[in-house]
Amino acid sequence: MFIALDILKSSDDNAYEFLPDHTSPCGTQYAPASLIKVVDESLRDANLSPTKIAKKLGMSRASLYRATAPFGGVQRFITDRRLALAHAILTSGDHKNYSITDLAYDLGFNAESTFRRVYKQQYGMSPRATKQASLAR
């Protein structure tokens, strides 16, 4: 099943999108829309790597690591974008016939258990509980 990624896409490549700063309890950081766009377009790729992202952006891996350092690094940045999209889908009501397993694999997670664990860490409830809560509304 294919997931529409329009939920997270930015319309302006020169824009910046707000993202929480995972290194500071009260700080915020802004990520360039070009980085967000490249990552969001590749969220379904389970083999998405810093090398692939850096190549698409035309930058070195070291520059990519510096750019994503305020967000916890490249892998954390990718995971956070995947989780944000999963959360948006689960809370939108457009997921009634969509299993948590399908969602996890479609968003590039290599294991459903990993998806469930990091989702619960990020949002304080399981993906299934999020889905059930949105259906109850």
C-alpha atoms as a PDB file:
ATOM      1  CA  MET A   1       0.000   0.000   0.000  1.00  0.00           C
ATOM      2  CA  PHE A   2       1.364   3.443  -0.947  1.00  0.00           C
ATOM      3  CA  ILE A   3       1.415   6.351   1.491  1.00  0.00           C
ATOM      4  CA  ALA A   4       1.029   9.909   0.235  1.00  0.00           C
ATOM      5  CA  LEU A   5       3.901  12.018   1.547  1.00  0.00           C
ATOM      6  CA  ASP A   6       2.179  15.365   0.953  1.00  0.00           C
ATOM      7  CA  ILE A   7       1.557  15.696   4.686  1.00  0.00           C
ATOM      8  CA  LEU A   8       5.169  16.652   5.360  1.00  0.00           C
ATOM      9  CA  LYS A   9       6.285  18.268   2.106  1.00  0.00           C
ATOM     10  CA  SER A  10       7.342  21.886   1.980  1.00  0.00           C
ATOM     11  CA  SER A  11       6.268  23.928  -1.029  1.00  0.00           C
ATOM     12  CA  ASP A  12       9.241  26.297  -1.023  1.00  0.00           C
ATOM     13  CA  ASP A  13      12.767  24.883  -1.361  1.00  0.00           C
ATOM     14  CA  ASN A  14      14.198  27.978   0.315  1.00  0.00           C
ATOM     15  CA  ALA A  15      11.868  27.785   3.289  1.00  0.00           C
ATOM     16  CA  TYR A  16      12.712  26.448   6.698  1.00  0.00           C
ATOM     17  CA  GLU A  17      10.544  24.121   8.696  1.00  0.00           C
ATOM     18  CA  PHE A  18      10.343  24.079  12.463  1.00  0.00           C
ATOM     19  CA  LEU A  19      11.481  20.867  14.110  1.00  0.00           C
ATOM     20  CA  PRO A  20      11.922  20.192  17.817  1.00  0.00           C
ATOM     21  CA  ASP A  21      15.497  20.297  19.077  1.00  0.00           C
ATOM     22  CA  HIS A  22      16.205  16.940  20.698  1.00  0.00           C
ATOM     23  CA  THR A  23      19.375  18.218  22.340  1.00  0.00           C
ATOM     24  CA  SER A  24      17.812  20.991  24.379  1.00  0.00           C
ATOM     25  CA  PRO A  25      14.662  20.750  26.493  1.00  0.00           C
ATOM     26  CA  CYS A  26      13.485  24.239  25.562  1.00  0.00           C
ATOM     27  CA  GLY A  27      15.347  25.084  22.351  1.00  0.00           C
ATOM     28  CA  THR A  28      14.218  24.966  18.765  1.00  0.00           C
ATOM     29  CA  GLN A  29      16.071  24.502  15.506  1.00  0.00           C
ATOM     30  CA  TYR A  30      15.169  25.064  11.885  1.00  0.00           C
ATOM     31  CA  ALA A  31      16.068  22.639   9.121  1.00  0.00           C
ATOM     32  CA  PRO A  32      16.514  23.762   5.516  1.00  0.00           C
ATOM     33  CA  ALA A  33      13.597  22.725   3.333  1.00  0.00           C
ATOM     34  CA  SER A  34      15.995  21.129   0.838  1.00  0.00           C
ATOM     35  CA  LEU A  35      17.148  18.652   3.489  1.00  0.00           C
ATOM     36  CA  ILE A  36      13.563  17.973   4.552  1.00  0.00           C
ATOM     37  CA  LYS A  37      12.486  17.489   0.946  1.00  0.00           C
ATOM     38  CA  VAL A  38      15.247  14.985   0.156  1.00  0.00           C
ATOM     39  CA  VAL A  39      14.581  12.989   3.323  1.00  0.00           C
ATOM     40  CA  ASP A  40      10.789  13.073   2.932  1.00  0.00           C
ATOM     41  CA  GLU A  41      10.991  11.908  -0.686  1.00  0.00           C
ATOM     42  CA  SER A  42      13.049   8.921   0.451  1.00  0.00           C
ATOM     43  CA  LEU A  43      11.205   7.933   3.634  1.00  0.00           C
ATOM     44  CA  ARG A  44      10.017   4.656   2.131  1.00  0.00           C
ATOM     45  CA  ASP A  45      13.601   3.570   1.388  1.00  0.00           C
ATOM     46  CA  ALA A  46      14.652   1.216   4.194  1.00  0.00           C
ATOM     47  CA  ASN A  47      18.262   1.650   3.018  1.00  0.00           C
ATOM     48  CA  LEU A  48      18.243   5.447   3.204  1.00  0.00           C
ATOM     49  CA  SER A  49      21.713   6.470   4.344  1.00  0.00           C
ATOM     50  CA  PRO A  50      23.749   9.594   5.019  1.00  0.00           C
ATOM     51  CA  THR A  51      25.733   8.887   1.856  1.00  0.00           C
ATOM     52  CA  LYS A  52      22.562   8.816  -0.288  1.00  0.00           C
ATOM     53  CA  ILE A  53      21.209  12.002   1.287  1.00  0.00           C
ATOM     54  CA  ALA A  54      24.521  13.869   0.986  1.00  0.00           C
ATOM     55  CA  LYS A  55      24.831  12.860  -2.668  1.00  0.00           C
ATOM     56  CA  LYS A  56      21.298  14.072  -3.466  1.00  0.00           C
ATOM     57  CA  LEU A  57      22.015  17.378  -1.717  1.00  0.00           C
ATOM     58  CA  GLY A  58      25.426  17.771  -3.355  1.00  0.00           C
ATOM     59  CA  MET A  59      27.221  18.051  -0.025  1.00  0.00           C
ATOM     60  CA  SER A  60      29.772  16.045   1.880  1.00  0.00           C
ATOM     61  CA  ARG A  61      28.727  13.564   4.535  1.00  0.00           C
ATOM     62  CA  ALA A  62      30.586  15.675   7.118  1.00  0.00           C
ATOM     63  CA  SER A  63      28.491  18.721   6.165  1.00  0.00           C
ATOM     64  CA  LEU A  64      25.342  16.629   6.403  1.00  0.00           C
ATOM     65  CA  TYR A  65      26.299  15.427   9.877  1.00  0.00           C
ATOM     66  CA  ARG A  66      26.935  19.042  10.961  1.00  0.00           C
ATOM     67  CA  ALA A  67      23.581  20.142   9.513  1.00  0.00           C
ATOM     68  CA  THR A  68      21.690  17.433  11.369  1.00  0.00           C
ATOM     69  CA  ALA A  69      23.646  17.592  14.643  1.00  0.00           C
ATOM     70  CA  PRO A  70      21.041  19.873  16.316  1.00  0.00           C
ATOM     71  CA  PHE A  71      18.415  17.173  15.638  1.00  0.00           C
ATOM     72  CA  GLY A  72      20.405  14.281  17.092  1.00  0.00           C
ATOM     73  CA  GLY A  73      22.209  13.292  13.886  1.00  0.00           C
ATOM     74  CA  VAL A  74      21.260  11.999  10.478  1.00  0.00           C
ATOM     75  CA  GLN A  75      19.611   8.770  11.587  1.00  0.00           C
ATOM     76  CA  ARG A  76      17.583  10.517  14.289  1.00  0.00           C
ATOM     77  CA  PHE A  77      16.489  13.140  11.742  1.00  0.00           C
ATOM     78  CA  ILE A  78      15.295  10.392   9.363  1.00  0.00           C
ATOM     79  CA  THR A  79      13.523   8.511  12.155  1.00  0.00           C
ATOM     80  CA  ASP A  80      11.807  11.661  13.389  1.00  0.00           C
ATOM     81  CA  ARG A  81      10.510  12.448   9.898  1.00  0.00           C
ATOM     82  CA  ARG A  82       9.227   8.872   9.537  1.00  0.00           C
ATOM     83  CA  LEU A  83       7.551   9.037  12.930  1.00  0.00           C
ATOM     84  CA  ALA A  84       5.979  12.420  12.178  1.00  0.00           C
ATOM     85  CA  LEU A  85       4.443  11.041   9.002  1.00  0.00           C
ATOM     86  CA  ALA A  86       3.258   7.885  10.785  1.00  0.00           C
ATOM     87  CA  HIS A  87       1.651  10.007  13.491  1.00  0.00           C
ATOM     88  CA  ALA A  88      -0.017  12.262  10.917  1.00  0.00           C
ATOM     89  CA  ILE A  89      -1.424   9.227   9.097  1.00  0.00           C
ATOM     90  CA  LEU A  90      -2.608   7.525  12.279  1.00  0.00           C
ATOM     91  CA  THR A  91      -4.357  10.654  13.560  1.00  0.00           C
ATOM     92  CA  SER A  92      -5.871  11.666  10.206  1.00  0.00           C
ATOM     93  CA  GLY A  93      -8.544   8.989  10.059  1.00  0.00           C
ATOM     94  CA  ASP A  94      -7.388   7.923   6.576  1.00  0.00           C
ATOM     95  CA  HIS A  95      -5.898   4.723   7.929  1.00  0.00           C
ATOM     96  CA  LYS A  96      -8.940   2.595   8.766  1.00  0.00           C
ATOM     97  CA  ASN A  97      -7.881  -0.373   6.618  1.00  0.00           C
ATOM     98  CA  TYR A  98      -4.160   0.153   7.048  1.00  0.00           C
ATOM     99  CA  SER A  99      -2.267  -2.157   9.397  1.00  0.00           C
ATOM    100  CA  ILE A 100       0.476  -0.989  11.732  1.00  0.00           C
ATOM    101  CA  THR A 101       2.793  -3.544  10.115  1.00  0.00           C
ATOM    102  CA  ASP A 102       2.144  -2.130   6.628  1.00  0.00           C
ATOM    103  CA  LEU A 103       2.678   1.388   7.895  1.00  0.00           C
ATOM    104  CA  ALA A 104       6.004   0.473   9.518  1.00  0.00           C
ATOM    105  CA  TYR A 105       7.397  -1.209   6.418  1.00  0.00           C
ATOM    106  CA  ASP A 106       6.022   1.423   4.027  1.00  0.00           C
ATOM    107  CA  LEU A 107       7.845   4.101   6.007  1.00  0.00           C
ATOM    108  CA  GLY A 108      11.174   2.324   5.731  1.00  0.00           C
ATOM    109  CA  PHE A 109      11.415   0.684   9.132  1.00  0.00           C
ATOM    110  CA  ASN A 110      13.167  -2.681   8.909  1.00  0.00           C
ATOM    111  CA  ALA A 111      11.196  -4.193  11.780  1.00  0.00           C
ATOM    112  CA  GLU A 112       7.724  -3.584  13.123  1.00  0.00           C
ATOM    113  CA  SER A 113       9.020  -3.943  16.692  1.00  0.00           C
ATOM    114  CA  THR A 114      11.496  -1.107  16.145  1.00  0.00           C
ATOM    115  CA  PHE A 115       8.733   1.088  14.756  1.00  0.00           C
ATOM    116  CA  ARG A 116       6.447   0.367  17.714  1.00  0.00           C
ATOM    117  CA  ARG A 117       9.220   1.023  20.244  1.00  0.00           C
ATOM    118  CA  VAL A 118      10.438   4.347  18.807  1.00  0.00           C
ATOM    119  CA  TYR A 119       6.870   5.514  18.131  1.00  0.00           C
ATOM    120  CA  LYS A 120       5.922   4.922  21.763  1.00  0.00           C
ATOM    121  CA  GLN A 121       9.094   6.705  22.950  1.00  0.00           C
ATOM    122  CA  GLN A 122       8.264   9.704  20.759  1.00  0.00           C
ATOM    123  CA  TYR A 123       4.507   9.983  21.353  1.00  0.00           C
ATOM    124  CA  GLY A 124       3.941   8.271  24.699  1.00  0.00           C
ATOM    125  CA  MET A 125       1.493   5.748  23.292  1.00  0.00           C
ATOM    126  CA  SER A 126       1.636   2.852  20.878  1.00  0.00           C
ATOM    127  CA  PRO A 127       0.748   3.250  17.202  1.00  0.00           C
ATOM    128  CA  ARG A 128      -2.257   0.986  17.791  1.00  0.00           C
ATOM    129  CA  ALA A 129      -3.490   3.177  20.666  1.00  0.00           C
ATOM    130  CA  THR A 130      -3.071   6.273  18.482  1.00  0.00           C
ATOM    131  CA  LYS A 131      -5.044   4.597  15.691  1.00  0.00           C
ATOM    132  CA  GLN A 132      -7.815   3.516  18.066  1.00  0.00           C
ATOM    133  CA  ALA A 133      -8.026   6.987  19.635  1.00  0.00           C
ATOM    134  CA  SER A 134      -8.410   8.633  16.225  1.00  0.00           C
ATOM    135  CA  LEU A 135     -11.118   6.161  15.222  1.00  0.00           C
ATOM    136  CA  ALA A 136     -13.041   6.906  18.425  1.00  0.00           C
ATOM    137  CA  ARG A 137     -13.401  10.572  17.490  1.00  0.00           C
END
